[in-house]
Amino acid sequence: MFGLVPGRLAEKDAYRSAPVCPAGTRPGGSCRLAVEATVRDRLEVHEKRSPDYDLVVLVRGSGAHHRLRMAGHSPVYDAVRPGDEVTLTSWRGAIRSVRFGEAVQDTRLSPVDDWRTPLGVGLAVLPLGLLALWSAWALPRHRAAVRRDWPWWPAGMWVAGTILSVVGILAGLGGANVPYALLITAVGVLPSAGVGALFVWVLRRRMRRAADVRDVVAVRPARRRCVRASVHGDVPYSVFGFGYLVVGDGPPAATPDPAGRAALRPLPSSLRVVGVRSLRPDDPEGWPGIYKYDGVVVECRDGEVPVLVGTSRREASLVLGALTAAPAAA
């Protein structure tokens, strides 16, 4: 996108520096031709989320009608009414602006602001593209080196990059010129990095609190209940789609049924609780989405086979109580 900017700027400069056409010049040249016209109608077109504003004009002398899509609704579109006389400025065969009294408004065919879109898109895509390349190189190495840690800083960098991307596109679309847009984007680097660092700090603080499982104590279920919990391990009662656990009615049983009535798979008395911890990146992929950031994992062993039981913090005490009571019940 940056490659389009020099050409757009050159076209803008050519338009602004073009001389006024002498009398009798036909449209289509590189000079700016002023043509008198009469406003016939004003049209507000609602084909998109934001409306477009069109002026229908009749060129004096030739009788040609033109429907001009204006760049916004101010100042000319709002001021004119059918029958008003306006002056059209034509350059290289297209009407570029409309004058009404002292007010001048560009049409959508004006090259004055054509540089803004490619510059804004380029400034928006640049930080995200660099981050994508960095992530493709760094994240696999990060996961291999620290398998049980969350990728904090990559997440913070993506937050900062997204904010800088928004700053860049706004600077490109709203800046007075290219140097000003680049300056605004450069100034936005440090605040964006600060927000990314703050995001990492808040997230790590939140996850550290989630990692504290001292409040998870075994509570034996007083009645039969079906709670949201998943069993994961190389055991026959670990079945994909079995996302519930029936507790309080004998040994706990895994089931896909939220009511806890169908396809029950009891957990054996050989299952022993080893410990309780918070979620980690190497846990089953769907668990963070199901049990949220403060989910709890009950680590167990069935003989020599490790078994994990994932659940929400709210249900963790009941699940832990059912698992610790199961051998005695058997």
C-alpha atoms as a PDB file:
ATOM      1  CA  MET A   1       0.000   0.000   0.000  1.00  0.00           C
ATOM      2  CA  PHE A   2       2.869   2.389   0.704  1.00  0.00           C
ATOM      3  CA  GLY A   3       3.897   2.037  -2.946  1.00  0.00           C
ATOM      4  CA  LEU A   4       0.679   3.754  -4.035  1.00  0.00           C
ATOM      5  CA  VAL A   5       1.253   6.854  -1.910  1.00  0.00           C
ATOM      6  CA  PRO A   6       3.889   8.644  -4.082  1.00  0.00           C
ATOM      7  CA  GLY A   7       1.715   8.351  -7.180  1.00  0.00           C
ATOM      8  CA  ARG A   8      -1.351   9.643  -5.344  1.00  0.00           C
ATOM      9  CA  LEU A   9       0.644  12.565  -3.928  1.00  0.00           C
ATOM     10  CA  ALA A  10       2.002  13.401  -7.381  1.00  0.00           C
ATOM     11  CA  GLU A  11      -1.533  13.434  -8.786  1.00  0.00           C
ATOM     12  CA  LYS A  12      -2.701  15.700  -5.952  1.00  0.00           C
ATOM     13  CA  ASP A  13       0.180  18.112  -6.576  1.00  0.00           C
ATOM     14  CA  ALA A  14      -0.508  18.103 -10.317  1.00  0.00           C
ATOM     15  CA  TYR A  15      -4.153  18.948  -9.699  1.00  0.00           C
ATOM     16  CA  ARG A  16      -3.436  21.754  -7.262  1.00  0.00           C
ATOM     17  CA  SER A  17      -0.712  23.274  -9.430  1.00  0.00           C
ATOM     18  CA  ALA A  18      -2.681  22.989 -12.679  1.00  0.00           C
ATOM     19  CA  PRO A  19      -3.318  26.377 -14.324  1.00  0.00           C
ATOM     20  CA  VAL A  20      -6.787  27.713 -15.013  1.00  0.00           C
ATOM     21  CA  CYS A  21      -7.957  26.892 -18.526  1.00  0.00           C
ATOM     22  CA  PRO A  22      -8.320  29.826 -20.926  1.00  0.00           C
ATOM     23  CA  ALA A  23     -11.764  30.626 -22.297  1.00  0.00           C
ATOM     24  CA  GLY A  24     -13.001  28.235 -24.942  1.00  0.00           C
ATOM     25  CA  THR A  25     -11.000  25.237 -23.693  1.00  0.00           C
ATOM     26  CA  ARG A  26     -12.743  21.899 -24.102  1.00  0.00           C
ATOM     27  CA  PRO A  27     -12.973  19.523 -21.080  1.00  0.00           C
ATOM     28  CA  GLY A  28     -10.360  16.793 -20.746  1.00  0.00           C
ATOM     29  CA  GLY A  29      -7.112  18.737 -20.577  1.00  0.00           C
ATOM     30  CA  SER A  30      -4.583  19.104 -17.767  1.00  0.00           C
ATOM     31  CA  CYS A  31      -5.706  22.608 -16.909  1.00  0.00           C
ATOM     32  CA  ARG A  32      -8.550  23.310 -14.498  1.00  0.00           C
ATOM     33  CA  LEU A  33     -11.720  24.210 -16.343  1.00  0.00           C
ATOM     34  CA  ALA A  34     -14.479  26.165 -14.559  1.00  0.00           C
ATOM     35  CA  VAL A  35     -17.998  25.371 -15.760  1.00  0.00           C
ATOM     36  CA  GLU A  36     -21.212  27.052 -14.618  1.00  0.00           C
ATOM     37  CA  ALA A  37     -24.095  24.743 -13.696  1.00  0.00           C
ATOM     38  CA  THR A  38     -27.496  24.722 -12.015  1.00  0.00           C
ATOM     39  CA  VAL A  39     -28.415  22.396  -9.149  1.00  0.00           C
ATOM     40  CA  ARG A  40     -31.349  20.184 -10.119  1.00  0.00           C
ATOM     41  CA  ASP A  41     -31.581  17.877  -7.108  1.00  0.00           C
ATOM     42  CA  ARG A  42     -29.909  16.697  -3.913  1.00  0.00           C
ATOM     43  CA  LEU A  43     -29.930  12.960  -3.221  1.00  0.00           C
ATOM     44  CA  GLU A  44     -29.038  11.177   0.006  1.00  0.00           C
ATOM     45  CA  VAL A  45     -28.255   7.564  -0.889  1.00  0.00           C
ATOM     46  CA  HIS A  46     -28.570   4.908   1.837  1.00  0.00           C
ATOM     47  CA  GLU A  47     -26.913   1.875   0.254  1.00  0.00           C
ATOM     48  CA  LYS A  48     -24.282   1.430   2.979  1.00  0.00           C
ATOM     49  CA  ARG A  49     -23.972   1.989   6.703  1.00  0.00           C
ATOM     50  CA  SER A  50     -23.171   5.672   6.145  1.00  0.00           C
ATOM     51  CA  PRO A  51     -25.105   7.608   3.484  1.00  0.00           C
ATOM     52  CA  ASP A  52     -23.662   9.065   0.292  1.00  0.00           C
ATOM     53  CA  TYR A  53     -24.504  12.568  -0.872  1.00  0.00           C
ATOM     54  CA  ASP A  54     -25.123  13.239  -4.568  1.00  0.00           C
ATOM     55  CA  LEU A  55     -25.749  16.488  -6.410  1.00  0.00           C
ATOM     56  CA  VAL A  56     -27.571  16.431  -9.746  1.00  0.00           C
ATOM     57  CA  VAL A  57     -26.488  19.421 -11.843  1.00  0.00           C
ATOM     58  CA  LEU A  58     -27.269  20.781 -15.301  1.00  0.00           C
ATOM     59  CA  VAL A  59     -24.311  22.330 -17.119  1.00  0.00           C
ATOM     60  CA  ARG A  60     -25.161  25.727 -18.544  1.00  0.00           C
ATOM     61  CA  GLY A  61     -24.872  25.919 -22.324  1.00  0.00           C
ATOM     62  CA  SER A  62     -24.291  22.234 -23.119  1.00  0.00           C
ATOM     63  CA  GLY A  63     -27.374  21.023 -21.259  1.00  0.00           C
ATOM     64  CA  ALA A  64     -25.435  18.004 -19.925  1.00  0.00           C
ATOM     65  CA  HIS A  65     -26.637  16.434 -16.677  1.00  0.00           C
ATOM     66  CA  HIS A  66     -24.144  15.147 -14.115  1.00  0.00           C
ATOM     67  CA  ARG A  67     -24.708  13.250 -10.904  1.00  0.00           C
ATOM     68  CA  LEU A  68     -21.815  14.128  -8.629  1.00  0.00           C
ATOM     69  CA  ARG A  69     -20.985  12.074  -5.553  1.00  0.00           C
ATOM     70  CA  MET A  70     -19.716  14.545  -2.997  1.00  0.00           C
ATOM     71  CA  ALA A  71     -16.992  13.970  -0.407  1.00  0.00           C
ATOM     72  CA  GLY A  72     -19.258  14.316   2.607  1.00  0.00           C
ATOM     73  CA  HIS A  73     -22.167  16.702   3.057  1.00  0.00           C
ATOM     74  CA  SER A  74     -20.424  19.925   4.033  1.00  0.00           C
ATOM     75  CA  PRO A  75     -20.155  22.716   3.103  1.00  0.00           C
ATOM     76  CA  VAL A  76     -21.684  22.849  -0.387  1.00  0.00           C
ATOM     77  CA  TYR A  77     -24.154  19.950  -0.303  1.00  0.00           C
ATOM     78  CA  ASP A  78     -25.828  21.231   2.869  1.00  0.00           C
ATOM     79  CA  ALA A  79     -26.008  24.794   1.541  1.00  0.00           C
ATOM     80  CA  VAL A  80     -27.391  24.417  -1.981  1.00  0.00           C
ATOM     81  CA  ARG A  81     -30.987  23.946  -3.063  1.00  0.00           C
ATOM     82  CA  PRO A  82     -32.494  23.090  -6.461  1.00  0.00           C
ATOM     83  CA  GLY A  83     -32.151  26.112  -8.726  1.00  0.00           C
ATOM     84  CA  ASP A  84     -28.933  27.418  -7.162  1.00  0.00           C
ATOM     85  CA  GLU A  85     -26.058  28.304  -9.465  1.00  0.00           C
ATOM     86  CA  VAL A  86     -22.722  26.558  -8.796  1.00  0.00           C
ATOM     87  CA  THR A  87     -19.304  26.405 -10.440  1.00  0.00           C
ATOM     88  CA  LEU A  88     -17.836  23.029 -11.353  1.00  0.00           C
ATOM     89  CA  THR A  89     -14.085  22.486 -11.618  1.00  0.00           C
ATOM     90  CA  SER A  90     -13.125  19.894 -14.232  1.00  0.00           C
ATOM     91  CA  TRP A  91      -9.637  18.416 -14.553  1.00  0.00           C
ATOM     92  CA  ARG A  92      -8.526  15.636 -16.907  1.00  0.00           C
ATOM     93  CA  GLY A  93     -12.090  14.937 -17.958  1.00  0.00           C
ATOM     94  CA  ALA A  94     -13.665  14.576 -14.502  1.00  0.00           C
ATOM     95  CA  ILE A  95     -15.446  17.048 -12.213  1.00  0.00           C
ATOM     96  CA  ARG A  96     -13.282  17.383  -9.115  1.00  0.00           C
ATOM     97  CA  SER A  97     -14.985  20.082  -7.015  1.00  0.00           C
ATOM     98  CA  VAL A  98     -18.089  22.250  -6.698  1.00  0.00           C
ATOM     99  CA  ARG A  99     -18.089  25.920  -5.652  1.00  0.00           C
ATOM    100  CA  PHE A 100     -21.107  27.736  -4.202  1.00  0.00           C
ATOM    101  CA  GLY A 101     -20.332  31.302  -3.288  1.00  0.00           C
ATOM    102  CA  GLU A 102     -17.184  31.171  -1.163  1.00  0.00           C
ATOM    103  CA  ALA A 103     -17.674  27.501  -0.201  1.00  0.00           C
ATOM    104  CA  VAL A 104     -15.812  24.779  -2.096  1.00  0.00           C
ATOM    105  CA  GLN A 105     -16.363  21.044  -1.683  1.00  0.00           C
ATOM    106  CA  ASP A 106     -14.525  18.197  -3.395  1.00  0.00           C
ATOM    107  CA  THR A 107     -16.274  15.384  -5.191  1.00  0.00           C
ATOM    108  CA  ARG A 108     -15.261  11.766  -4.710  1.00  0.00           C
ATOM    109  CA  LEU A 109     -13.226  12.071  -7.925  1.00  0.00           C
ATOM    110  CA  SER A 110     -10.929  14.688  -6.422  1.00  0.00           C
ATOM    111  CA  PRO A 111      -7.322  13.475  -6.053  1.00  0.00           C
ATOM    112  CA  VAL A 112      -6.697  15.736  -3.055  1.00  0.00           C
ATOM    113  CA  ASP A 113      -7.231  12.993  -0.441  1.00  0.00           C
ATOM    114  CA  ASP A 114      -6.547   9.869  -2.513  1.00  0.00           C
ATOM    115  CA  TRP A 115      -3.244   9.325  -0.693  1.00  0.00           C
ATOM    116  CA  ARG A 116      -4.934   8.891   2.678  1.00  0.00           C
ATOM    117  CA  THR A 117      -6.419   5.409   2.223  1.00  0.00           C
ATOM    118  CA  PRO A 118      -3.235   3.608   1.066  1.00  0.00           C
ATOM    119  CA  LEU A 119      -1.180   5.397   3.718  1.00  0.00           C
ATOM    120  CA  GLY A 120      -3.669   4.595   6.497  1.00  0.00           C
ATOM    121  CA  VAL A 121      -3.994   0.950   5.439  1.00  0.00           C
ATOM    122  CA  GLY A 122      -0.220   0.648   5.159  1.00  0.00           C
ATOM    123  CA  LEU A 123       0.321   2.095   8.637  1.00  0.00           C
ATOM    124  CA  ALA A 124      -2.341  -0.268   9.997  1.00  0.00           C
ATOM    125  CA  VAL A 125      -0.985  -3.390   8.311  1.00  0.00           C
ATOM    126  CA  LEU A 126       2.706  -2.740   9.008  1.00  0.00           C
ATOM    127  CA  PRO A 127       2.750  -3.477  12.788  1.00  0.00           C
ATOM    128  CA  LEU A 128       0.396  -6.438  12.406  1.00  0.00           C
ATOM    129  CA  GLY A 129       2.450  -7.876   9.551  1.00  0.00           C
ATOM    130  CA  LEU A 130       5.683  -7.546  11.516  1.00  0.00           C
ATOM    131  CA  LEU A 131       4.029  -9.174  14.526  1.00  0.00           C
ATOM    132  CA  ALA A 132       2.732 -12.038  12.386  1.00  0.00           C
ATOM    133  CA  LEU A 133       6.239 -12.713  11.050  1.00  0.00           C
ATOM    134  CA  TRP A 134       7.725 -12.476  14.544  1.00  0.00           C
ATOM    135  CA  SER A 135       5.057 -14.786  15.970  1.00  0.00           C
ATOM    136  CA  ALA A 136       5.631 -17.387  13.253  1.00  0.00           C
ATOM    137  CA  TRP A 137       9.312 -17.439  14.208  1.00  0.00           C
ATOM    138  CA  ALA A 138       9.169 -16.961  17.989  1.00  0.00           C
ATOM    139  CA  LEU A 139       6.039 -18.725  19.259  1.00  0.00           C
ATOM    140  CA  PRO A 140       7.080 -22.293  18.309  1.00  0.00           C
ATOM    141  CA  ARG A 141      10.377 -21.717  20.120  1.00  0.00           C
ATOM    142  CA  HIS A 142       8.564 -20.234  23.106  1.00  0.00           C
ATOM    143  CA  ARG A 143       6.242 -23.230  23.374  1.00  0.00           C
ATOM    144  CA  ALA A 144       9.120 -25.674  23.049  1.00  0.00           C
ATOM    145  CA  ALA A 145      11.165 -23.901  25.714  1.00  0.00           C
ATOM    146  CA  VAL A 146       8.376 -23.186  28.209  1.00  0.00           C
ATOM    147  CA  ARG A 147       5.665 -25.740  27.618  1.00  0.00           C
ATOM    148  CA  ARG A 148       3.789 -25.050  30.852  1.00  0.00           C
ATOM    149  CA  ASP A 149       3.784 -21.269  30.763  1.00  0.00           C
ATOM    150  CA  TRP A 150       1.302 -18.992  29.030  1.00  0.00           C
ATOM    151  CA  PRO A 151       2.729 -16.799  26.212  1.00  0.00           C
ATOM    152  CA  TRP A 152       2.358 -13.558  28.156  1.00  0.00           C
ATOM    153  CA  TRP A 153       4.590 -11.228  26.205  1.00  0.00           C
ATOM    154  CA  PRO A 154       3.410 -12.318  22.750  1.00  0.00           C
ATOM    155  CA  ALA A 155      -0.139 -11.574  23.894  1.00  0.00           C
ATOM    156  CA  GLY A 156       0.929  -8.153  25.153  1.00  0.00           C
ATOM    157  CA  MET A 157       2.748  -7.418  21.917  1.00  0.00           C
ATOM    158  CA  TRP A 158      -0.345  -8.256  19.899  1.00  0.00           C
ATOM    159  CA  VAL A 159      -2.405  -5.898  22.056  1.00  0.00           C
ATOM    160  CA  ALA A 160       0.161  -3.142  21.522  1.00  0.00           C
ATOM    161  CA  GLY A 161       0.358  -3.885  17.801  1.00  0.00           C
ATOM    162  CA  THR A 162      -3.410  -3.765  17.408  1.00  0.00           C
ATOM    163  CA  ILE A 163      -3.611  -0.401  19.173  1.00  0.00           C
ATOM    164  CA  LEU A 164      -0.759   0.975  17.054  1.00  0.00           C
ATOM    165  CA  SER A 165      -2.543  -0.306  13.959  1.00  0.00           C
ATOM    166  CA  VAL A 166      -5.651   1.681  14.896  1.00  0.00           C
ATOM    167  CA  VAL A 167      -3.514   4.769  15.567  1.00  0.00           C
ATOM    168  CA  GLY A 168      -1.846   4.327  12.183  1.00  0.00           C
ATOM    169  CA  ILE A 169      -5.021   4.101  10.147  1.00  0.00           C
ATOM    170  CA  LEU A 170      -6.572   7.067  11.968  1.00  0.00           C
ATOM    171  CA  ALA A 171      -3.398   9.101  11.428  1.00  0.00           C
ATOM    172  CA  GLY A 172      -3.333   8.198   7.755  1.00  0.00           C
ATOM    173  CA  LEU A 173      -6.992   9.046   7.184  1.00  0.00           C
ATOM    174  CA  GLY A 174      -7.038  12.188   9.314  1.00  0.00           C
ATOM    175  CA  GLY A 175      -3.510  13.596   9.177  1.00  0.00           C
ATOM    176  CA  ALA A 176      -2.878  16.896   7.423  1.00  0.00           C
ATOM    177  CA  ASN A 177      -0.032  15.399   5.392  1.00  0.00           C
ATOM    178  CA  VAL A 178       2.231  12.355   5.197  1.00  0.00           C
ATOM    179  CA  PRO A 179       4.929  13.569   7.656  1.00  0.00           C
ATOM    180  CA  TYR A 180       2.248  14.451  10.200  1.00  0.00           C
ATOM    181  CA  ALA A 181       0.615  11.018   9.862  1.00  0.00           C
ATOM    182  CA  LEU A 182       3.988   9.303  10.301  1.00  0.00           C
ATOM    183  CA  LEU A 183       4.757  11.474  13.329  1.00  0.00           C
ATOM    184  CA  ILE A 184       1.436  10.636  14.987  1.00  0.00           C
ATOM    185  CA  THR A 185       2.034   6.921  14.377  1.00  0.00           C
ATOM    186  CA  ALA A 186       5.567   7.125  15.788  1.00  0.00           C
ATOM    187  CA  VAL A 187       4.321   8.995  18.853  1.00  0.00           C
ATOM    188  CA  GLY A 188       1.753   6.221  19.353  1.00  0.00           C
ATOM    189  CA  VAL A 189       4.422   3.517  19.730  1.00  0.00           C
ATOM    190  CA  LEU A 190       5.224   4.161  23.402  1.00  0.00           C
ATOM    191  CA  PRO A 191       1.588   4.504  24.594  1.00  0.00           C
ATOM    192  CA  SER A 192       0.676   1.344  22.670  1.00  0.00           C
ATOM    193  CA  ALA A 193       3.584  -0.523  24.250  1.00  0.00           C
ATOM    194  CA  GLY A 194       2.496   0.775  27.649  1.00  0.00           C
ATOM    195  CA  VAL A 195      -1.036  -0.533  27.164  1.00  0.00           C
ATOM    196  CA  GLY A 196       0.366  -3.892  26.042  1.00  0.00           C
ATOM    197  CA  ALA A 197       2.563  -4.086  29.148  1.00  0.00           C
ATOM    198  CA  LEU A 198      -0.388  -3.129  31.352  1.00  0.00           C
ATOM    199  CA  PHE A 199      -2.449  -5.872  29.714  1.00  0.00           C
ATOM    200  CA  VAL A 200       0.267  -8.419  30.499  1.00  0.00           C
ATOM    201  CA  TRP A 201       0.513  -7.210  34.103  1.00  0.00           C
ATOM    202  CA  VAL A 202      -3.262  -7.394  34.660  1.00  0.00           C
ATOM    203  CA  LEU A 203      -3.521 -10.794  32.985  1.00  0.00           C
ATOM    204  CA  ARG A 204      -0.616 -12.270  34.935  1.00  0.00           C
ATOM    205  CA  ARG A 205      -2.017 -10.909  38.181  1.00  0.00           C
ATOM    206  CA  ARG A 206      -5.368 -12.436  37.361  1.00  0.00           C
ATOM    207  CA  MET A 207      -3.818 -15.776  36.439  1.00  0.00           C
ATOM    208  CA  ARG A 208      -1.651 -15.823  39.572  1.00  0.00           C
ATOM    209  CA  ARG A 209      -4.800 -15.478  41.643  1.00  0.00           C
ATOM    210  CA  ALA A 210      -6.395 -18.233  39.578  1.00  0.00           C
ATOM    211  CA  ALA A 211      -3.353 -20.438  40.238  1.00  0.00           C
ATOM    212  CA  ASP A 212      -3.995 -20.243  43.976  1.00  0.00           C
ATOM    213  CA  VAL A 213      -6.095 -23.350  44.646  1.00  0.00           C
ATOM    214  CA  ARG A 214      -5.884 -23.245  48.437  1.00  0.00           C
ATOM    215  CA  ASP A 215      -9.600 -22.452  48.567  1.00  0.00           C
ATOM    216  CA  VAL A 216     -10.423 -25.742  46.807  1.00  0.00           C
ATOM    217  CA  VAL A 217     -11.168 -28.181  49.640  1.00  0.00           C
ATOM    218  CA  ALA A 218     -12.939 -31.505  49.364  1.00  0.00           C
ATOM    219  CA  VAL A 219     -16.689 -31.274  49.986  1.00  0.00           C
ATOM    220  CA  ARG A 220     -18.598 -34.537  49.782  1.00  0.00           C
ATOM    221  CA  PRO A 221     -21.802 -34.133  47.767  1.00  0.00           C
ATOM    222  CA  ALA A 222     -24.883 -34.348  49.990  1.00  0.00           C
ATOM    223  CA  ARG A 223     -27.109 -35.443  47.099  1.00  0.00           C
ATOM    224  CA  ARG A 224     -26.899 -36.637  43.529  1.00  0.00           C
ATOM    225  CA  ARG A 225     -25.701 -33.942  41.168  1.00  0.00           C
ATOM    226  CA  CYS A 226     -24.467 -33.696  37.597  1.00  0.00           C
ATOM    227  CA  VAL A 227     -21.645 -31.145  37.294  1.00  0.00           C
ATOM    228  CA  ARG A 228     -19.594 -29.889  34.367  1.00  0.00           C
ATOM    229  CA  ALA A 229     -16.316 -31.830  34.414  1.00  0.00           C
ATOM    230  CA  SER A 230     -14.163 -33.733  31.921  1.00  0.00           C
ATOM    231  CA  VAL A 231     -11.896 -36.751  32.374  1.00  0.00           C
ATOM    232  CA  HIS A 232      -8.705 -36.892  30.318  1.00  0.00           C
ATOM    233  CA  GLY A 233      -6.237 -39.767  30.188  1.00  0.00           C
ATOM    234  CA  ASP A 234      -5.421 -43.090  28.575  1.00  0.00           C
ATOM    235  CA  VAL A 235      -8.265 -44.854  30.374  1.00  0.00           C
ATOM    236  CA  PRO A 236     -11.583 -46.329  29.136  1.00  0.00           C
ATOM    237  CA  TYR A 237     -13.713 -43.820  31.050  1.00  0.00           C
ATOM    238  CA  SER A 238     -12.047 -40.871  29.272  1.00  0.00           C
ATOM    239  CA  VAL A 239     -14.332 -40.405  26.265  1.00  0.00           C
ATOM    240  CA  PHE A 240     -14.504 -37.448  23.903  1.00  0.00           C
ATOM    241  CA  GLY A 241     -17.734 -35.527  24.413  1.00  0.00           C
ATOM    242  CA  PHE A 242     -18.266 -36.774  27.969  1.00  0.00           C
ATOM    243  CA  GLY A 243     -18.272 -33.334  29.572  1.00  0.00           C
ATOM    244  CA  TYR A 244     -20.220 -34.060  32.760  1.00  0.00           C
ATOM    245  CA  LEU A 245     -19.639 -35.955  35.975  1.00  0.00           C
ATOM    246  CA  VAL A 246     -22.348 -37.481  38.156  1.00  0.00           C
ATOM    247  CA  VAL A 247     -21.434 -37.186  41.843  1.00  0.00           C
ATOM    248  CA  GLY A 248     -23.190 -37.930  45.129  1.00  0.00           C
ATOM    249  CA  ASP A 249     -24.668 -41.262  44.034  1.00  0.00           C
ATOM    250  CA  GLY A 250     -21.953 -43.869  44.522  1.00  0.00           C
ATOM    251  CA  PRO A 251     -18.709 -43.670  42.522  1.00  0.00           C
ATOM    252  CA  PRO A 252     -18.435 -40.640  40.222  1.00  0.00           C
ATOM    253  CA  ALA A 253     -19.431 -41.390  36.638  1.00  0.00           C
ATOM    254  CA  ALA A 254     -18.567 -39.587  33.398  1.00  0.00           C
ATOM    255  CA  THR A 255     -21.440 -38.873  31.023  1.00  0.00           C
ATOM    256  CA  PRO A 256     -22.269 -36.778  27.940  1.00  0.00           C
ATOM    257  CA  ASP A 257     -25.775 -36.167  29.308  1.00  0.00           C
ATOM    258  CA  PRO A 258     -26.276 -32.846  31.172  1.00  0.00           C
ATOM    259  CA  ALA A 259     -29.040 -34.554  33.151  1.00  0.00           C
ATOM    260  CA  GLY A 260     -26.675 -37.374  34.133  1.00  0.00           C
ATOM    261  CA  ARG A 261     -28.975 -40.232  33.138  1.00  0.00           C
ATOM    262  CA  ALA A 262     -27.494 -41.736  29.960  1.00  0.00           C
ATOM    263  CA  ALA A 263     -24.233 -43.471  28.969  1.00  0.00           C
ATOM    264  CA  LEU A 264     -22.717 -43.403  32.453  1.00  0.00           C
ATOM    265  CA  ARG A 265     -19.104 -44.546  32.775  1.00  0.00           C
ATOM    266  CA  PRO A 266     -18.206 -45.029  36.454  1.00  0.00           C
ATOM    267  CA  LEU A 267     -14.747 -44.010  37.605  1.00  0.00           C
ATOM    268  CA  PRO A 268     -13.002 -46.982  39.264  1.00  0.00           C
ATOM    269  CA  SER A 269     -12.014 -47.192  42.907  1.00  0.00           C
ATOM    270  CA  SER A 270      -8.390 -47.520  41.754  1.00  0.00           C
ATOM    271  CA  LEU A 271      -8.425 -43.832  40.817  1.00  0.00           C
ATOM    272  CA  ARG A 272      -6.459 -41.839  43.396  1.00  0.00           C
ATOM    273  CA  VAL A 273      -6.209 -38.071  43.767  1.00  0.00           C
ATOM    274  CA  VAL A 274      -2.637 -36.770  43.549  1.00  0.00           C
ATOM    275  CA  GLY A 275      -3.151 -33.012  43.698  1.00  0.00           C
ATOM    276  CA  VAL A 276      -5.092 -29.960  42.619  1.00  0.00           C
ATOM    277  CA  ARG A 277      -3.842 -27.143  40.389  1.00  0.00           C
ATOM    278  CA  SER A 278      -4.988 -24.463  37.974  1.00  0.00           C
ATOM    279  CA  LEU A 279      -5.152 -24.793  34.207  1.00  0.00           C
ATOM    280  CA  ARG A 280      -1.936 -24.906  32.170  1.00  0.00           C
ATOM    281  CA  PRO A 281      -1.272 -24.467  28.442  1.00  0.00           C
ATOM    282  CA  ASP A 282      -0.533 -28.181  28.056  1.00  0.00           C
ATOM    283  CA  ASP A 283      -3.976 -29.196  29.344  1.00  0.00           C
ATOM    284  CA  PRO A 284      -6.614 -30.377  26.829  1.00  0.00           C
ATOM    285  CA  GLU A 285      -7.236 -27.694  24.241  1.00  0.00           C
ATOM    286  CA  GLY A 286     -10.890 -27.035  24.954  1.00  0.00           C
ATOM    287  CA  TRP A 287     -10.681 -26.704  28.724  1.00  0.00           C
ATOM    288  CA  PRO A 288      -9.827 -22.969  28.948  1.00  0.00           C
ATOM    289  CA  GLY A 289     -12.878 -22.194  26.830  1.00  0.00           C
ATOM    290  CA  ILE A 290     -15.143 -24.440  28.904  1.00  0.00           C
ATOM    291  CA  TYR A 291     -13.890 -23.742  32.436  1.00  0.00           C
ATOM    292  CA  LYS A 292     -12.555 -20.206  31.855  1.00  0.00           C
ATOM    293  CA  TYR A 293      -9.295 -18.768  33.109  1.00  0.00           C
ATOM    294  CA  ASP A 294      -9.822 -19.911  36.715  1.00  0.00           C
ATOM    295  CA  GLY A 295     -10.614 -23.534  35.894  1.00  0.00           C
ATOM    296  CA  VAL A 296      -9.287 -26.246  38.197  1.00  0.00           C
ATOM    297  CA  VAL A 297      -7.597 -29.547  37.364  1.00  0.00           C
ATOM    298  CA  VAL A 298      -7.660 -32.480  39.785  1.00  0.00           C
ATOM    299  CA  GLU A 299      -4.590 -34.616  39.065  1.00  0.00           C
ATOM    300  CA  CYS A 300      -5.163 -38.337  39.634  1.00  0.00           C
ATOM    301  CA  ARG A 301      -3.551 -41.669  38.908  1.00  0.00           C
ATOM    302  CA  ASP A 302      -5.216 -44.909  37.964  1.00  0.00           C
ATOM    303  CA  GLY A 303      -2.440 -47.326  38.797  1.00  0.00           C
ATOM    304  CA  GLU A 304       0.484 -45.929  36.792  1.00  0.00           C
ATOM    305  CA  VAL A 305      -1.687 -43.987  34.339  1.00  0.00           C
ATOM    306  CA  PRO A 306      -2.030 -40.218  34.916  1.00  0.00           C
ATOM    307  CA  VAL A 307      -5.613 -38.983  34.725  1.00  0.00           C
ATOM    308  CA  LEU A 308      -6.785 -35.360  34.742  1.00  0.00           C
ATOM    309  CA  VAL A 309     -10.235 -34.169  35.759  1.00  0.00           C
ATOM    310  CA  GLY A 310     -10.978 -30.606  34.641  1.00  0.00           C
ATOM    311  CA  THR A 311     -13.801 -28.540  36.082  1.00  0.00           C
ATOM    312  CA  SER A 312     -14.773 -25.006  37.022  1.00  0.00           C
ATOM    313  CA  ARG A 313     -13.644 -23.495  40.305  1.00  0.00           C
ATOM    314  CA  ARG A 314     -17.251 -23.371  41.489  1.00  0.00           C
ATOM    315  CA  GLU A 315     -17.647 -27.150  41.097  1.00  0.00           C
ATOM    316  CA  ALA A 316     -14.087 -28.108  42.046  1.00  0.00           C
ATOM    317  CA  SER A 317     -14.760 -28.773  45.736  1.00  0.00           C
ATOM    318  CA  LEU A 318     -17.644 -31.154  44.936  1.00  0.00           C
ATOM    319  CA  VAL A 319     -15.594 -32.980  42.295  1.00  0.00           C
ATOM    320  CA  LEU A 320     -12.636 -33.283  44.656  1.00  0.00           C
ATOM    321  CA  GLY A 321     -14.910 -34.499  47.453  1.00  0.00           C
ATOM    322  CA  ALA A 322     -16.504 -37.117  45.192  1.00  0.00           C
ATOM    323  CA  LEU A 323     -13.123 -38.356  43.956  1.00  0.00           C
ATOM    324  CA  THR A 324     -11.632 -38.652  47.434  1.00  0.00           C
ATOM    325  CA  ALA A 325     -14.769 -40.372  48.759  1.00  0.00           C
ATOM    326  CA  ALA A 326     -15.024 -42.832  45.868  1.00  0.00           C
ATOM    327  CA  PRO A 327     -12.621 -45.517  47.169  1.00  0.00           C
ATOM    328  CA  ALA A 328     -14.321 -45.553  50.545  1.00  0.00           C
ATOM    329  CA  ALA A 329     -17.714 -45.847  48.903  1.00  0.00           C
ATOM    330  CA  ALA A 330     -16.498 -48.745  46.839  1.00  0.00           C
END
